[in-house]
N, C-alpha and C. Protein backbone atom coordinates (compact mmCIF):
# COMPACT_ATOMS: atom_id res chain seq x y z
N MET A 1 -28.76 -51.13 30.44
CA MET A 1 -29.34 -51.71 29.26
C MET A 1 -30.11 -50.63 28.51
N GLN A 2 -29.82 -50.47 27.25
CA GLN A 2 -30.48 -49.43 26.47
C GLN A 2 -31.85 -49.89 25.98
N GLN A 3 -32.80 -48.96 26.07
CA GLN A 3 -34.17 -49.22 25.65
C GLN A 3 -34.66 -48.03 24.82
N ALA A 4 -35.52 -48.31 23.85
CA ALA A 4 -36.07 -47.26 23.00
C ALA A 4 -37.20 -46.52 23.70
N ILE A 5 -37.27 -45.20 23.45
CA ILE A 5 -38.40 -44.41 23.92
C ILE A 5 -39.59 -44.72 23.01
N ILE A 6 -40.71 -45.09 23.62
CA ILE A 6 -41.91 -45.39 22.82
C ILE A 6 -43.04 -44.39 23.08
N GLY A 7 -42.86 -43.50 24.04
CA GLY A 7 -43.87 -42.50 24.34
C GLY A 7 -43.44 -41.64 25.51
N PHE A 8 -44.32 -40.73 25.89
CA PHE A 8 -44.06 -39.81 27.00
C PHE A 8 -45.35 -39.59 27.77
N HIS A 9 -45.22 -39.27 29.04
CA HIS A 9 -46.35 -38.83 29.84
C HIS A 9 -45.85 -37.90 30.94
N LEU A 10 -46.78 -37.14 31.51
CA LEU A 10 -46.46 -36.27 32.64
C LEU A 10 -46.73 -37.02 33.93
N ASP A 11 -45.82 -36.89 34.90
CA ASP A 11 -46.05 -37.51 36.20
C ASP A 11 -46.92 -36.58 37.05
N GLU A 12 -47.18 -36.97 38.29
CA GLU A 12 -48.05 -36.21 39.19
C GLU A 12 -47.50 -34.81 39.51
N ASP A 13 -46.19 -34.61 39.33
CA ASP A 13 -45.58 -33.30 39.56
C ASP A 13 -45.40 -32.51 38.28
N HIS A 14 -45.99 -33.00 37.19
CA HIS A 14 -45.92 -32.37 35.87
C HIS A 14 -44.52 -32.34 35.27
N HIS A 15 -43.77 -33.41 35.53
CA HIS A 15 -42.46 -33.61 34.92
C HIS A 15 -42.62 -34.68 33.84
N TRP A 16 -41.92 -34.51 32.71
CA TRP A 16 -42.03 -35.47 31.62
C TRP A 16 -41.26 -36.75 31.94
N VAL A 17 -41.90 -37.86 31.60
CA VAL A 17 -41.33 -39.19 31.78
C VAL A 17 -41.33 -39.88 30.42
N ALA A 18 -40.16 -40.38 30.03
CA ALA A 18 -40.07 -41.17 28.80
C ALA A 18 -40.54 -42.58 29.11
N GLU A 19 -41.44 -43.11 28.29
CA GLU A 19 -41.90 -44.48 28.41
C GLU A 19 -40.98 -45.34 27.56
N LEU A 20 -40.36 -46.34 28.17
CA LEU A 20 -39.38 -47.16 27.48
C LEU A 20 -39.97 -48.49 27.03
N ALA A 21 -39.38 -49.08 26.00
CA ALA A 21 -39.88 -50.32 25.41
C ALA A 21 -39.95 -51.46 26.42
N CYS A 22 -39.14 -51.41 27.46
CA CYS A 22 -39.11 -52.46 28.47
C CYS A 22 -40.26 -52.35 29.46
N GLY A 23 -41.00 -51.24 29.41
CA GLY A 23 -42.10 -51.03 30.35
C GLY A 23 -41.76 -50.09 31.48
N HIS A 24 -40.50 -49.73 31.63
CA HIS A 24 -40.09 -48.79 32.67
C HIS A 24 -40.23 -47.36 32.16
N GLY A 25 -40.09 -46.42 33.06
CA GLY A 25 -40.11 -45.00 32.71
C GLY A 25 -38.86 -44.31 33.21
N GLN A 26 -38.51 -43.21 32.56
CA GLN A 26 -37.34 -42.44 32.99
C GLN A 26 -37.65 -40.96 32.81
N HIS A 27 -37.43 -40.17 33.87
CA HIS A 27 -37.65 -38.73 33.77
C HIS A 27 -36.69 -38.12 32.76
N VAL A 28 -37.20 -37.19 31.98
CA VAL A 28 -36.38 -36.47 30.99
C VAL A 28 -36.67 -34.98 31.18
N ARG A 29 -36.09 -34.43 32.24
CA ARG A 29 -36.34 -33.04 32.61
C ARG A 29 -35.44 -32.07 31.84
N HIS A 30 -36.00 -30.89 31.60
CA HIS A 30 -35.20 -29.76 31.11
C HIS A 30 -35.04 -28.84 32.31
N ASN A 31 -33.87 -28.87 32.93
CA ASN A 31 -33.62 -28.12 34.15
C ASN A 31 -32.21 -27.55 34.12
N PRO A 32 -31.97 -26.55 33.22
CA PRO A 32 -30.62 -25.99 33.11
C PRO A 32 -30.15 -25.40 34.44
N PRO A 33 -28.88 -25.43 34.74
CA PRO A 33 -27.78 -25.96 33.93
C PRO A 33 -27.50 -27.45 34.15
N TRP A 34 -28.27 -28.12 35.02
CA TRP A 34 -27.97 -29.52 35.34
C TRP A 34 -28.41 -30.47 34.24
N GLN A 35 -29.57 -30.25 33.67
CA GLN A 35 -30.08 -31.09 32.59
C GLN A 35 -30.57 -30.19 31.48
N ASN A 36 -29.93 -30.28 30.34
CA ASN A 36 -30.27 -29.42 29.22
C ASN A 36 -30.99 -30.23 28.13
N ARG A 37 -32.31 -30.27 28.24
CA ARG A 37 -33.13 -31.01 27.28
C ARG A 37 -34.29 -30.12 26.81
N PRO A 38 -34.02 -29.06 26.07
CA PRO A 38 -35.10 -28.17 25.65
C PRO A 38 -36.13 -28.87 24.76
N TRP A 39 -35.74 -29.98 24.13
CA TRP A 39 -36.67 -30.70 23.25
C TRP A 39 -37.86 -31.26 24.01
N VAL A 40 -37.72 -31.50 25.31
CA VAL A 40 -38.79 -32.15 26.06
C VAL A 40 -40.00 -31.23 26.30
N ILE A 41 -39.82 -29.93 26.15
CA ILE A 41 -40.91 -29.01 26.46
C ILE A 41 -41.86 -28.77 25.29
N THR A 42 -41.57 -29.34 24.12
CA THR A 42 -42.49 -29.19 22.98
C THR A 42 -42.93 -30.56 22.48
N GLU A 43 -44.14 -30.62 21.97
CA GLU A 43 -44.67 -31.86 21.41
C GLU A 43 -43.79 -32.33 20.26
N GLN A 44 -43.40 -31.42 19.38
CA GLN A 44 -42.55 -31.78 18.25
C GLN A 44 -41.21 -32.34 18.72
N GLY A 45 -40.62 -31.72 19.72
CA GLY A 45 -39.35 -32.19 20.26
C GLY A 45 -39.45 -33.60 20.81
N ARG A 46 -40.52 -33.86 21.55
CA ARG A 46 -40.72 -35.21 22.10
C ARG A 46 -40.94 -36.22 20.98
N GLN A 47 -41.74 -35.87 19.99
CA GLN A 47 -42.01 -36.79 18.88
C GLN A 47 -40.72 -37.14 18.13
N GLU A 48 -39.82 -36.17 18.00
CA GLU A 48 -38.55 -36.41 17.31
C GLU A 48 -37.65 -37.37 18.08
N LYS A 49 -37.88 -37.55 19.37
CA LYS A 49 -37.03 -38.43 20.19
C LYS A 49 -37.59 -39.85 20.31
N LEU A 50 -38.77 -40.12 19.75
CA LEU A 50 -39.29 -41.48 19.77
C LEU A 50 -38.30 -42.40 19.08
N GLY A 51 -38.00 -43.52 19.68
CA GLY A 51 -37.01 -44.46 19.14
C GLY A 51 -35.61 -44.24 19.67
N LEU A 52 -35.36 -43.09 20.29
CA LEU A 52 -34.04 -42.81 20.88
C LEU A 52 -33.76 -43.82 21.98
N LEU A 53 -32.54 -44.31 22.05
CA LEU A 53 -32.18 -45.26 23.09
C LEU A 53 -31.68 -44.54 24.34
N LEU A 54 -32.22 -44.94 25.48
CA LEU A 54 -31.78 -44.43 26.78
C LEU A 54 -31.34 -45.61 27.63
N ASP A 55 -30.40 -45.35 28.53
CA ASP A 55 -30.01 -46.38 29.49
C ASP A 55 -31.12 -46.51 30.52
N CYS A 56 -31.67 -47.71 30.65
CA CYS A 56 -32.71 -47.96 31.65
C CYS A 56 -32.05 -48.41 32.95
N LYS A 57 -32.11 -47.55 33.94
CA LYS A 57 -31.49 -47.84 35.24
C LYS A 57 -32.16 -49.03 35.92
N LYS A 58 -33.48 -49.15 35.78
CA LYS A 58 -34.19 -50.26 36.43
C LYS A 58 -33.81 -51.60 35.81
N CYS A 59 -33.65 -51.65 34.49
CA CYS A 59 -33.21 -52.90 33.85
C CYS A 59 -31.79 -53.24 34.29
N GLU A 60 -30.94 -52.24 34.41
CA GLU A 60 -29.56 -52.48 34.84
C GLU A 60 -29.51 -53.01 36.27
N GLU A 61 -30.40 -52.49 37.13
CA GLU A 61 -30.43 -52.93 38.53
C GLU A 61 -30.84 -54.39 38.66
N THR A 62 -31.82 -54.80 37.85
CA THR A 62 -32.34 -56.16 37.96
C THR A 62 -31.61 -57.15 37.05
N GLY A 63 -30.86 -56.60 36.09
CA GLY A 63 -30.14 -57.46 35.16
C GLY A 63 -31.00 -58.03 34.05
N SER A 64 -32.24 -57.53 33.94
CA SER A 64 -33.12 -57.98 32.88
C SER A 64 -34.17 -56.93 32.60
N MET A 65 -34.96 -57.19 31.56
CA MET A 65 -36.05 -56.29 31.23
C MET A 65 -37.21 -56.55 32.17
N ALA A 66 -38.20 -55.63 32.14
CA ALA A 66 -39.34 -55.67 33.06
C ALA A 66 -40.00 -57.01 33.17
């Protein structure tokens, strides 16, 4: 189920987590060559991704939103 990014925060390991409209979070790491997301390392890049839809794995597992 796709959900909009409404914010970001750093987890306890200092990895960026996208805060989704459903209340869940999803890591958005920049870890080349496996994950190429250079936008996540700058404030401007993260701000530009607000509203972007991501597949929420937790919503898909439960079949509903939070």
